[in-house]
Amino acid sequence: MPTKKLINISTKGGDSGTSGLVDGVRLPKSSQIFVVLGDLDELNTW
């Protein structure tokens, strides 16, 4: 079985506790939109 190589990506910019949307709006990581996006991402793996 082939092995997969893991790649770490880091901006080394620290974490301000916010994430950006495609339109440039920054929201707290606890915002409900990120929960929904994560759930949709998991649903797409089925």
Foldseek 3Di string as FASTA:
>chain_A
DDDDDDDDDDPPPDPPQWDADPVGDIDGCPDVVVVVVVVVVVVVVD
